[in-house]
N, C-alpha and C. Protein backbone atom coordinates (compact mmCIF):
# COMPACT_ATOMS: atom_id res chain seq x y z
N MET A 1 36.48 72.21 350.41
CA MET A 1 36.19 71.79 349.07
C MET A 1 35.70 73.00 348.29
N GLN A 2 36.12 73.11 347.07
CA GLN A 2 35.65 74.18 346.19
C GLN A 2 34.74 73.59 345.12
N VAL A 3 33.60 74.23 344.92
CA VAL A 3 32.63 73.80 343.92
C VAL A 3 32.39 74.97 342.98
N ALA A 4 32.41 74.72 341.67
CA ALA A 4 32.15 75.76 340.68
C ALA A 4 30.83 75.47 339.98
N ILE A 5 29.99 76.49 339.90
CA ILE A 5 28.75 76.40 339.14
C ILE A 5 28.96 77.23 337.88
N PHE A 6 28.95 76.56 336.74
CA PHE A 6 29.22 77.25 335.48
C PHE A 6 27.94 77.83 334.90
N LEU A 7 28.01 79.10 334.53
CA LEU A 7 26.88 79.80 333.92
C LEU A 7 27.13 79.88 332.41
N PHE A 8 26.10 79.59 331.63
CA PHE A 8 26.23 79.60 330.18
C PHE A 8 24.87 79.89 329.57
N ASP A 9 24.85 80.13 328.28
CA ASP A 9 23.60 80.38 327.58
C ASP A 9 22.63 79.23 327.80
N GLY A 10 21.44 79.53 328.23
CA GLY A 10 20.43 78.50 328.43
C GLY A 10 20.28 78.03 329.86
N VAL A 11 21.24 78.34 330.74
CA VAL A 11 21.09 77.95 332.14
C VAL A 11 20.04 78.86 332.78
N THR A 12 19.16 78.28 333.57
CA THR A 12 18.12 79.09 334.21
C THR A 12 18.57 79.50 335.61
N ALA A 13 17.90 80.49 336.15
CA ALA A 13 18.22 80.94 337.50
C ALA A 13 18.02 79.81 338.49
N LEU A 14 17.01 78.99 338.29
CA LEU A 14 16.75 77.88 339.21
C LEU A 14 17.90 76.87 339.18
N ASP A 15 18.47 76.61 338.00
CA ASP A 15 19.61 75.70 337.91
C ASP A 15 20.77 76.19 338.76
N ALA A 16 21.10 77.46 338.63
CA ALA A 16 22.27 78.02 339.32
C ALA A 16 21.99 78.26 340.81
N VAL A 17 20.91 78.92 341.11
CA VAL A 17 20.63 79.29 342.50
C VAL A 17 20.21 78.08 343.32
N GLY A 18 19.48 77.15 342.72
CA GLY A 18 19.08 75.96 343.44
C GLY A 18 20.29 75.14 343.88
N SER A 19 21.24 74.97 342.98
CA SER A 19 22.47 74.25 343.32
C SER A 19 23.25 75.00 344.39
N TYR A 20 23.35 76.31 344.23
CA TYR A 20 24.07 77.14 345.21
C TYR A 20 23.45 77.01 346.59
N GLU A 21 22.13 77.12 346.67
CA GLU A 21 21.44 77.04 347.96
C GLU A 21 21.68 75.71 348.66
N ALA A 22 21.75 74.63 347.90
CA ALA A 22 21.97 73.32 348.50
C ALA A 22 23.42 73.15 348.96
N LEU A 23 24.37 73.67 348.18
CA LEU A 23 25.78 73.41 348.44
C LEU A 23 26.43 74.36 349.45
N PHE A 24 26.01 75.64 349.47
CA PHE A 24 26.73 76.59 350.31
C PHE A 24 26.52 76.35 351.80
N ARG A 25 25.50 75.59 352.15
CA ARG A 25 25.24 75.28 353.56
C ARG A 25 26.14 74.17 354.10
N LEU A 26 26.80 73.43 353.23
CA LEU A 26 27.67 72.34 353.67
C LEU A 26 28.92 72.91 354.31
N PRO A 27 29.40 72.29 355.38
CA PRO A 27 30.60 72.80 356.05
C PRO A 27 31.82 72.66 355.14
N GLN A 28 32.66 73.64 355.19
CA GLN A 28 33.93 73.67 354.47
C GLN A 28 33.77 73.58 352.96
N VAL A 29 32.67 74.11 352.42
CA VAL A 29 32.46 74.15 350.98
C VAL A 29 32.40 75.60 350.54
N GLN A 30 33.20 75.94 349.54
CA GLN A 30 33.16 77.28 348.95
C GLN A 30 32.62 77.15 347.54
N VAL A 31 31.52 77.84 347.27
CA VAL A 31 30.86 77.76 345.98
C VAL A 31 31.18 79.01 345.17
N SER A 32 31.55 78.82 343.91
CA SER A 32 31.84 79.94 343.02
C SER A 32 30.98 79.81 341.77
N PHE A 33 30.64 80.96 341.19
CA PHE A 33 29.97 81.00 339.90
C PHE A 33 31.02 81.32 338.85
N CYS A 34 31.02 80.58 337.74
CA CYS A 34 32.02 80.78 336.69
C CYS A 34 31.32 80.92 335.34
N ALA A 35 31.92 81.73 334.47
CA ALA A 35 31.39 81.92 333.11
C ALA A 35 32.53 82.36 332.20
N LEU A 36 32.35 82.15 330.91
CA LEU A 36 33.30 82.67 329.94
C LEU A 36 32.90 84.09 329.58
N THR A 37 33.88 84.96 329.48
CA THR A 37 33.60 86.33 329.05
C THR A 37 33.51 86.37 327.53
N ILE A 38 33.15 87.51 326.99
CA ILE A 38 33.07 87.62 325.52
C ILE A 38 34.43 87.49 324.87
N TRP A 39 35.48 87.64 325.67
CA TRP A 39 36.84 87.47 325.15
C TRP A 39 37.35 86.06 325.39
N ARG A 40 36.46 85.16 325.81
CA ARG A 40 36.80 83.75 326.07
C ARG A 40 37.72 83.56 327.26
N ASN A 41 37.71 84.50 328.19
CA ASN A 41 38.44 84.33 329.44
C ASN A 41 37.49 83.75 330.48
N LEU A 42 38.01 82.89 331.33
CA LEU A 42 37.19 82.32 332.39
C LEU A 42 37.13 83.30 333.56
N PHE A 43 35.94 83.61 334.02
CA PHE A 43 35.72 84.54 335.12
C PHE A 43 34.97 83.80 336.22
N CYS A 44 35.50 83.81 337.43
CA CYS A 44 34.83 83.17 338.57
C CYS A 44 34.68 84.17 339.71
N ARG A 45 33.58 84.07 340.41
CA ARG A 45 33.31 84.93 341.55
C ARG A 45 32.75 84.06 342.67
N ALA A 46 33.36 84.14 343.84
CA ALA A 46 32.87 83.37 344.98
C ALA A 46 31.52 83.90 345.41
N GLY A 47 30.66 82.99 345.79
CA GLY A 47 29.35 83.37 346.32
C GLY A 47 29.51 83.83 347.76
N ASN A 48 28.42 83.99 348.44
CA ASN A 48 28.44 84.43 349.83
C ASN A 48 29.13 83.38 350.69
N THR A 49 30.20 83.76 351.37
CA THR A 49 30.91 82.81 352.21
C THR A 49 30.52 82.94 353.67
N GLN A 50 29.59 83.84 353.98
CA GLN A 50 29.11 83.99 355.35
C GLN A 50 28.15 82.86 355.67
N ARG A 51 28.22 82.34 356.86
CA ARG A 51 27.31 81.26 357.28
C ARG A 51 26.40 81.76 358.37
């Protein structure tokens, strides 16, 4: 399963990292962080996939 955590103006570190910490430990889950660039392109980066 792939899960995307979207980063945007106003999101706090606790919102993003707290969700990541809870989800990345689940088996067969890949968590990515996503945000819009200043050019309105969607940019995603996978988090740590090591278990």
